[in-house]
Amino acid sequence: MIPSFDRVIILADESANWEVAGLRQLDRLTLAMDEFARSISSQRKIEIVIFWQPGIAVAERWQPDHPRLTRCQFVEGISVGASQRLLNTRLLVKRTGVEQLLREAISLEFDPGLGDESAVWTKLWQQIEVSPVHFDSDGWQYLVNSREIPSAERWLLRGSGKSRDGFVSRYLNRPISRAVSQFLVKTPITPNFWTILITAFPVIGFLFLIRGSYFGFVVGALLFNVHSILDGCDGEIARAKYLDSEKGPGIDAIGDLIALLLFSIGLGFGLFRSPHQGSAGQWAFLSEGVLACVFIGLRLGPDHVLDLLRRGPAAVVFTQDDDRLRRSGGRFFGDRLTSLGFELTKRDVAFFIFLVAIAAGLARWVLHLLFFYAVGTLILSWRGRTGYRKLV
């Protein structure tokens, strides 16, 4: 049930300027209100009263002007008789916790007999301190002092995983990427810039793979894993700093695709150059790497890339290609085995397995796996596409 109210009163003291995960507390609260307004209505605007602590000089008071604030209307004064929710700037709220926070917030019917401005502010602050919002919840934390900011940032980023994360991401990659993101959110780096920046890792990894030595294979595979880990930071930054964009997830997915193609052809070329292979085996490895790259490209095609850029998050979460693979795989192998296959071929899981296998001296078998994956998914995707057309 959506909480009913006319406006939100935000009590602001020095904590309004506390910077948590790259955003000042007052900015974060108003952005949360703005996002909530967009989620419940295509037209609704939330009226917000920023009630500054009387002791703070007028010159030090400010009003949020973030470019994403389109559903917040800043007004002056507390209305008598209006249904109002009461918050303050010490509340650090997750984006998923806004609705519950507003439901738990004090529903204030203003009493004009409370006294002067200082008495009113003190009275309202005391009401918050005994209300449910004063106590930590899954959706928010109450910061008593600025020393709690580092732990609060870790808490804020802790819930920033994706539903499509594999088990390697959940238990290994995410803890590392969140530690990196805790530093990155304090910098001006944007999510899309970070996505482009870390493309250097698969490019350098490719250059190590083509050396054809054991050292080159291990370092190359390790760099692809580093890319897989750091690739989680862009989404974490975006969610923490309200920098989400429609095209961001598409750009991220294209970066993943480029990494897979570079790994395939780099490993094939590296085994081709390896001095430990016979002449015939060398050409077979090069052919495998090139064909794996081609087959993956044929399965996805330019339409998939355009779909990622055009549809953004919806295209990434559930693409038409995924739909075809699940439908076709389910008919041949059953839904349970198909789901297991999807879990084991997620990027984080696959690159981790590749690294372990290559470190164990099984680089050629990693290439064989990639080749059979490319051929198998291409066949399943085509059969799924044919089946879909028959249904239509």
Protein backbone atom coordinates (compact mmCIF):
# COMPACT_ATOMS: atom_id res chain seq x y z
CA MET A 1 0.00 0.00 0.00
CA ILE A 2 1.42 3.38 -1.03
CA PRO A 3 1.65 5.82 1.91
CA SER A 4 -0.69 8.80 1.68
CA PHE A 5 0.71 12.27 2.31
CA ASP A 6 0.74 15.76 0.80
CA ARG A 7 4.33 16.74 1.50
CA VAL A 8 7.58 15.73 3.17
CA ILE A 9 9.32 17.85 5.80
CA ILE A 10 13.08 17.28 5.96
CA LEU A 11 14.80 18.55 9.08
CA ALA A 12 18.31 19.59 8.02
CA ASP A 13 21.28 20.10 10.32
CA GLU A 14 25.03 19.76 9.67
CA SER A 15 24.43 16.19 8.46
CA ALA A 16 22.83 17.62 5.29
CA ASN A 17 26.39 18.19 4.03
CA TRP A 18 27.75 14.78 4.99
CA GLU A 19 28.92 13.08 1.81
CA VAL A 20 28.01 9.40 1.74
CA ALA A 21 28.95 7.36 -1.35
CA GLY A 22 29.53 10.50 -3.38
CA LEU A 23 26.26 12.28 -2.54
CA ARG A 24 25.40 14.78 0.16
CA GLN A 25 22.74 13.50 2.51
CA LEU A 26 20.16 16.15 1.59
CA ASP A 27 20.67 15.41 -2.11
CA ARG A 28 20.27 11.68 -1.51
CA LEU A 29 17.02 12.09 0.43
CA THR A 30 15.43 14.34 -2.19
CA LEU A 31 16.57 12.05 -5.03
CA ALA A 32 14.94 9.15 -3.20
CA MET A 33 11.69 11.13 -2.94
CA ASP A 34 11.89 12.04 -6.62
CA GLU A 35 12.39 8.42 -7.68
CA PHE A 36 9.49 7.34 -5.47
CA ALA A 37 7.22 9.96 -7.05
CA ARG A 38 8.07 8.66 -10.54
CA SER A 39 7.40 5.08 -9.47
CA ILE A 40 3.86 5.76 -8.22
CA SER A 41 2.61 8.19 -10.83
CA SER A 42 3.48 9.62 -14.23
CA GLN A 43 2.45 13.10 -13.10
CA ARG A 44 2.69 13.39 -9.34
CA LYS A 45 5.13 15.79 -7.72
CA ILE A 46 6.09 15.59 -4.06
CA GLU A 47 6.18 18.84 -2.13
CA ILE A 48 9.26 19.09 0.07
CA VAL A 49 9.89 21.54 2.91
CA ILE A 50 13.54 21.82 3.95
CA PHE A 51 13.47 23.01 7.55
CA TRP A 52 16.99 24.05 8.51
CA GLN A 53 18.18 24.00 12.09
CA PRO A 54 17.74 27.59 13.33
CA GLY A 55 21.37 27.83 14.46
CA ILE A 56 22.70 27.31 10.92
CA ALA A 57 23.48 30.60 9.14
CA VAL A 58 21.26 31.49 6.19
CA ALA A 59 24.32 31.68 3.91
CA GLU A 60 25.10 28.02 4.69
CA ARG A 61 21.61 26.76 3.81
CA TRP A 62 21.01 25.37 0.34
CA GLN A 63 18.42 23.66 -1.82
CA PRO A 64 19.16 20.57 -3.94
CA ASP A 65 19.44 21.28 -7.67
CA HIS A 66 20.41 17.85 -9.01
CA PRO A 67 19.45 17.55 -12.72
CA ARG A 68 17.44 14.37 -12.02
CA LEU A 69 15.09 16.17 -9.64
CA THR A 70 11.99 16.55 -11.79
CA ARG A 71 9.26 15.39 -9.40
CA CYS A 72 10.18 17.39 -6.30
CA GLN A 73 8.62 20.77 -5.68
CA PHE A 74 10.36 22.72 -2.96
CA VAL A 75 8.00 24.86 -0.88
CA GLU A 76 8.29 27.13 2.12
CA GLY A 77 6.60 26.64 5.47
CA ILE A 78 4.71 23.87 7.24
CA SER A 79 1.03 23.73 6.42
CA VAL A 80 -1.55 23.61 9.19
CA GLY A 81 -3.81 20.59 8.79
CA ALA A 82 -1.88 19.05 5.88
CA SER A 83 -0.88 15.39 5.90
CA GLN A 84 2.91 15.52 6.14
CA ARG A 85 5.74 13.02 6.57
CA LEU A 86 8.67 13.94 8.78
CA LEU A 87 12.29 12.93 8.00
CA ASN A 88 15.75 14.30 8.71
CA THR A 89 19.11 14.37 6.96
CA ARG A 90 20.69 11.73 9.21
CA LEU A 91 18.63 9.09 7.44
CA LEU A 92 20.64 7.12 4.88
CA VAL A 93 18.10 5.33 2.72
CA LYS A 94 18.53 2.61 0.12
CA ARG A 95 16.59 3.07 -3.07
CA THR A 96 14.55 -0.03 -2.34
CA GLY A 97 13.64 1.22 1.13
CA VAL A 98 11.96 4.54 0.30
CA GLU A 99 8.35 3.38 0.35
CA GLN A 100 8.74 1.60 3.69
CA LEU A 101 10.59 4.62 5.13
CA LEU A 102 7.72 6.93 4.18
CA ARG A 103 5.22 4.48 5.63
CA GLU A 104 7.11 4.40 8.95
CA ALA A 105 7.77 8.15 9.02
CA ILE A 106 5.74 10.33 11.38
CA SER A 107 2.48 11.49 9.91
CA LEU A 108 2.49 15.05 11.16
CA GLU A 109 -0.55 17.21 11.76
CA PHE A 110 1.11 20.51 12.54
CA ASP A 111 0.14 22.22 15.77
CA PRO A 112 0.53 26.02 15.41
CA GLY A 113 0.80 26.33 19.17
CA LEU A 114 4.22 24.65 19.36
CA GLY A 115 6.09 27.96 19.75
CA ASP A 116 8.78 29.85 17.82
CA GLU A 117 10.95 28.40 15.01
CA SER A 118 13.62 27.04 17.34
CA ALA A 119 11.05 25.36 19.59
CA VAL A 120 9.24 23.86 16.59
CA TRP A 121 12.47 22.47 15.12
CA THR A 122 13.51 20.94 18.46
CA LYS A 123 10.07 19.43 19.01
CA LEU A 124 10.00 17.85 15.56
CA TRP A 125 13.55 16.49 15.94
CA GLN A 126 12.58 14.88 19.23
CA GLN A 127 9.62 13.23 17.53
CA ILE A 128 11.94 11.59 15.00
CA GLU A 129 14.21 10.30 17.75
CA VAL A 130 11.40 8.22 19.21
CA SER A 131 9.89 7.16 15.86
CA PRO A 132 10.64 3.89 13.97
CA VAL A 133 12.81 5.72 11.41
CA HIS A 134 15.36 6.47 14.14
CA PHE A 135 16.24 2.77 14.29
CA ASP A 136 18.17 0.93 11.56
CA SER A 137 16.24 -1.20 9.10
CA ASP A 138 16.93 -3.24 5.98
CA GLY A 139 16.02 -0.17 3.93
CA TRP A 140 17.73 2.61 5.86
CA GLN A 141 20.24 3.50 8.54
CA TYR A 142 20.25 6.37 11.02
CA LEU A 143 23.64 8.08 11.22
CA VAL A 144 24.30 9.44 14.69
CA ASN A 145 27.64 11.02 13.73
CA SER A 146 29.96 11.36 10.73
CA ARG A 147 32.28 8.60 12.03
CA GLU A 148 29.65 6.09 10.93
CA ILE A 149 29.92 7.10 7.25
CA PRO A 150 32.53 4.47 6.14
CA SER A 151 30.52 1.57 7.58
CA ALA A 152 27.32 3.11 6.18
CA GLU A 153 28.86 3.22 2.69
CA ARG A 154 29.74 -0.47 2.93
CA TRP A 155 26.17 -1.18 3.99
CA LEU A 156 24.77 0.90 1.12
CA LEU A 157 26.85 -0.94 -1.49
CA ARG A 158 26.22 -4.36 0.05
CA GLY A 159 22.83 -4.70 -1.59
CA SER A 160 23.99 -3.64 -5.04
CA GLY A 161 24.25 -7.04 -6.71
CA LYS A 162 22.34 -8.08 -9.81
CA SER A 163 19.81 -10.86 -10.15
CA ARG A 164 21.87 -12.32 -13.02
CA ASP A 165 25.06 -12.62 -10.92
CA GLY A 166 26.54 -16.10 -10.88
CA PHE A 167 27.74 -17.80 -7.70
CA VAL A 168 31.34 -16.62 -8.31
CA SER A 169 30.13 -13.01 -8.36
CA ARG A 170 28.04 -13.46 -5.23
CA TYR A 171 30.82 -14.94 -3.11
CA LEU A 172 34.06 -13.63 -4.66
CA ASN A 173 33.70 -10.85 -7.23
CA ARG A 174 31.11 -8.67 -5.49
CA PRO A 175 32.99 -8.31 -2.18
CA ILE A 176 36.03 -7.10 -4.15
CA SER A 177 34.10 -4.80 -6.52
CA ARG A 178 32.23 -3.20 -3.61
CA ALA A 179 35.51 -2.38 -1.89
CA VAL A 180 36.71 -0.72 -5.11
CA SER A 181 33.36 1.05 -5.57
CA GLN A 182 33.57 2.48 -2.06
CA PHE A 183 36.60 4.40 -3.28
CA LEU A 184 35.22 5.18 -6.76
CA VAL A 185 31.99 6.78 -5.50
CA LYS A 186 34.09 9.53 -3.95
CA THR A 187 35.54 10.43 -7.37
CA PRO A 188 33.93 12.09 -10.42
CA ILE A 189 34.16 8.83 -12.43
CA THR A 190 30.86 8.00 -14.14
CA PRO A 191 29.61 4.42 -14.67
CA ASN A 192 29.89 4.55 -18.47
CA PHE A 193 33.41 6.00 -18.31
CA TRP A 194 34.41 3.21 -15.94
CA THR A 195 32.95 0.59 -18.33
CA ILE A 196 35.06 1.99 -21.16
CA LEU A 197 38.15 2.40 -18.95
CA ILE A 198 38.30 -1.22 -17.81
CA THR A 199 38.10 -2.47 -21.40
CA ALA A 200 41.88 -2.09 -21.21
CA PHE A 201 42.04 -5.29 -19.12
CA PRO A 202 40.69 -7.69 -21.80
CA VAL A 203 42.75 -5.88 -24.46
CA ILE A 204 45.97 -6.32 -22.43
CA GLY A 205 44.85 -9.85 -21.51
CA PHE A 206 44.49 -10.60 -25.23
CA LEU A 207 48.08 -9.42 -25.82
CA PHE A 208 49.31 -11.81 -23.10
CA LEU A 209 47.28 -14.73 -24.47
CA ILE A 210 48.75 -14.44 -27.96
CA ARG A 211 52.29 -14.82 -26.54
CA GLY A 212 51.62 -18.57 -26.49
CA SER A 213 53.51 -19.27 -23.24
CA TYR A 214 52.20 -20.71 -19.98
CA PHE A 215 52.96 -17.39 -18.27
CA GLY A 216 51.10 -15.48 -20.98
CA PHE A 217 48.06 -17.76 -20.73
CA VAL A 218 47.83 -17.46 -16.94
CA VAL A 219 48.36 -13.68 -16.82
CA GLY A 220 45.96 -13.19 -19.74
CA ALA A 221 43.23 -15.28 -18.09
CA LEU A 222 43.85 -13.45 -14.80
CA LEU A 223 43.35 -10.06 -16.51
CA PHE A 224 40.06 -11.22 -18.01
CA ASN A 225 38.99 -12.21 -14.49
CA VAL A 226 40.03 -8.79 -13.16
CA HIS A 227 37.80 -7.25 -15.84
CA SER A 228 34.94 -9.52 -14.75
CA ILE A 229 35.37 -8.36 -11.14
CA LEU A 230 35.72 -4.64 -11.87
CA ASP A 231 32.83 -4.76 -14.32
CA GLY A 232 30.51 -4.90 -11.31
CA CYS A 233 31.61 -1.44 -10.18
CA ASP A 234 29.77 0.52 -12.88
CA GLY A 235 26.37 -0.66 -11.71
CA GLU A 236 27.32 -0.17 -8.06
CA ILE A 237 28.40 3.42 -8.76
CA ALA A 238 25.25 4.10 -10.77
CA ARG A 239 22.90 2.81 -8.09
CA ALA A 240 24.73 4.53 -5.23
CA LYS A 241 24.94 7.94 -6.95
CA TYR A 242 21.66 7.90 -8.90
CA LEU A 243 23.55 7.87 -12.20
CA ASP A 244 21.54 5.12 -13.89
CA SER A 245 20.99 5.55 -17.61
CA GLU A 246 18.94 3.65 -20.16
CA LYS A 247 21.98 2.86 -22.29
CA GLY A 248 24.36 2.02 -19.44
CA PRO A 249 23.46 -1.68 -19.08
CA GLY A 250 23.62 -2.08 -22.85
CA ILE A 251 27.11 -0.59 -23.00
CA ASP A 252 28.12 -2.88 -20.14
CA ALA A 253 26.79 -5.97 -21.93
CA ILE A 254 28.59 -5.03 -25.14
CA GLY A 255 31.83 -4.75 -23.15
CA ASP A 256 31.23 -8.29 -21.85
CA LEU A 257 30.69 -9.53 -25.41
CA ILE A 258 33.91 -7.90 -26.63
CA ALA A 259 35.82 -9.53 -23.75
CA LEU A 260 34.49 -12.99 -24.67
CA LEU A 261 35.37 -12.55 -28.35
CA LEU A 262 38.88 -11.31 -27.51
CA PHE A 263 39.41 -14.24 -25.15
CA SER A 264 38.33 -16.78 -27.80
CA ILE A 265 40.51 -15.52 -30.59
CA GLY A 266 43.41 -14.65 -28.26
CA LEU A 267 43.53 -18.16 -26.78
CA GLY A 268 43.32 -19.72 -30.25
CA PHE A 269 46.13 -17.55 -31.58
CA GLY A 270 48.21 -18.15 -28.45
CA LEU A 271 47.95 -21.93 -28.83
CA PHE A 272 48.78 -21.51 -32.52
CA ARG A 273 52.02 -19.77 -31.52
CA SER A 274 52.81 -22.17 -28.69
CA PRO A 275 56.05 -24.05 -29.36
CA HIS A 276 54.70 -27.16 -27.65
CA GLN A 277 52.12 -27.93 -30.37
CA GLY A 278 52.68 -29.73 -33.65
CA SER A 279 52.13 -27.90 -36.94
CA ALA A 280 48.76 -29.50 -37.60
CA GLY A 281 47.63 -28.90 -34.02
CA GLN A 282 48.65 -25.27 -34.20
CA TRP A 283 46.40 -24.57 -37.17
CA ALA A 284 43.54 -26.52 -35.56
CA PHE A 285 43.74 -24.31 -32.45
CA LEU A 286 43.78 -21.12 -34.51
CA SER A 287 40.77 -22.34 -36.49
CA GLU A 288 38.92 -23.20 -33.28
CA GLY A 289 39.52 -19.76 -31.81
CA VAL A 290 38.46 -17.91 -34.96
CA LEU A 291 35.38 -20.11 -35.49
CA ALA A 292 34.30 -19.76 -31.85
CA CYS A 293 34.49 -15.99 -32.26
CA VAL A 294 32.53 -16.15 -35.54
CA PHE A 295 29.85 -18.50 -34.18
CA ILE A 296 29.25 -16.33 -31.10
CA GLY A 297 28.98 -13.31 -33.39
CA LEU A 298 26.55 -15.15 -35.69
CA ARG A 299 24.38 -16.22 -32.76
CA LEU A 300 24.04 -12.72 -31.42
CA GLY A 301 24.43 -10.69 -34.58
CA PRO A 302 24.12 -6.91 -35.02
CA ASP A 303 20.45 -7.01 -34.01
CA HIS A 304 21.42 -8.15 -30.51
CA VAL A 305 23.90 -5.29 -30.10
CA LEU A 306 21.38 -2.73 -31.33
CA ASP A 307 18.75 -4.22 -29.01
CA LEU A 308 21.07 -3.80 -26.04
CA LEU A 309 21.66 -0.14 -26.83
CA ARG A 310 18.04 0.59 -27.69
CA ARG A 311 16.21 -1.19 -24.86
CA GLY A 312 18.80 -0.81 -22.12
CA PRO A 313 18.07 -2.71 -18.87
CA ALA A 314 15.14 -4.69 -20.29
CA ALA A 315 17.30 -6.05 -23.11
CA VAL A 316 20.09 -7.05 -20.73
CA VAL A 317 17.93 -8.78 -18.15
CA PHE A 318 15.98 -10.88 -20.61
CA THR A 319 17.12 -10.81 -24.23
CA GLN A 320 15.42 -12.51 -27.13
CA ASP A 321 18.54 -14.66 -27.51
CA ASP A 322 18.20 -15.88 -23.90
CA ASP A 323 14.56 -16.67 -24.59
CA ARG A 324 15.44 -18.73 -27.66
CA LEU A 325 18.21 -20.60 -25.85
CA ARG A 326 16.02 -21.43 -22.85
CA ARG A 327 13.13 -22.58 -25.03
CA SER A 328 15.26 -24.69 -27.33
CA GLY A 329 17.47 -26.04 -24.52
CA GLY A 330 14.42 -26.92 -22.45
CA ARG A 331 13.02 -29.07 -25.25
CA PHE A 332 16.30 -31.01 -25.67
CA PHE A 333 17.73 -31.21 -22.16
CA GLY A 334 14.87 -30.28 -19.83
CA ASP A 335 14.38 -27.08 -17.88
CA ARG A 336 16.52 -28.09 -14.89
CA LEU A 337 19.60 -29.01 -16.94
CA THR A 338 19.15 -25.91 -19.09
CA SER A 339 19.04 -23.68 -16.00
CA LEU A 340 22.21 -25.32 -14.72
CA GLY A 341 23.85 -24.67 -18.08
CA PHE A 342 22.91 -20.99 -17.89
CA GLU A 343 24.37 -20.79 -14.38
CA LEU A 344 27.67 -22.40 -15.38
CA THR A 345 28.10 -20.27 -18.51
CA LYS A 346 27.55 -16.91 -16.82
CA ARG A 347 30.52 -14.66 -17.45
CA ASP A 348 31.85 -14.61 -13.88
CA VAL A 349 31.63 -18.40 -13.51
CA ALA A 350 33.07 -19.16 -16.97
CA PHE A 351 36.11 -16.88 -16.69
CA PHE A 352 36.88 -18.19 -13.20
CA ILE A 353 36.75 -21.79 -14.46
CA PHE A 354 38.91 -20.80 -17.44
CA LEU A 355 41.54 -19.29 -15.12
CA VAL A 356 41.69 -22.39 -12.90
CA ALA A 357 41.90 -24.72 -15.91
CA ILE A 358 44.60 -22.66 -17.62
CA ALA A 359 46.63 -22.50 -14.39
CA ALA A 360 46.38 -26.31 -14.34
CA GLY A 361 47.90 -26.45 -17.85
CA LEU A 362 44.61 -27.15 -19.64
CA ALA A 363 44.52 -24.16 -22.00
CA ARG A 364 43.69 -26.33 -25.01
CA TRP A 365 40.68 -27.80 -23.22
CA VAL A 366 39.43 -24.33 -22.38
CA LEU A 367 39.50 -23.54 -26.10
CA HIS A 368 37.67 -26.78 -26.87
CA LEU A 369 34.99 -25.86 -24.32
CA LEU A 370 34.61 -22.40 -25.85
CA PHE A 371 34.30 -23.88 -29.33
CA PHE A 372 31.64 -26.40 -28.32
CA TYR A 373 29.80 -23.68 -26.35
CA ALA A 374 29.78 -21.44 -29.44
CA VAL A 375 28.57 -24.24 -31.74
CA GLY A 376 25.98 -25.55 -29.28
CA THR A 377 24.45 -22.20 -28.41
CA LEU A 378 24.37 -21.22 -32.10
CA ILE A 379 22.41 -24.36 -32.98
CA LEU A 380 20.04 -23.98 -30.03
CA SER A 381 19.47 -20.31 -30.80
CA TRP A 382 18.68 -21.00 -34.45
CA ARG A 383 16.32 -23.86 -33.56
CA GLY A 384 14.67 -21.64 -30.95
CA ARG A 385 14.23 -18.90 -33.54
CA THR A 386 12.68 -21.39 -36.00
CA GLY A 387 10.33 -22.72 -33.33
CA TYR A 388 9.25 -19.21 -32.39
CA ARG A 389 8.43 -18.38 -36.02
CA LYS A 390 6.30 -21.52 -36.32
CA LEU A 391 4.38 -20.53 -33.20
CA VAL A 392 3.80 -17.05 -34.59
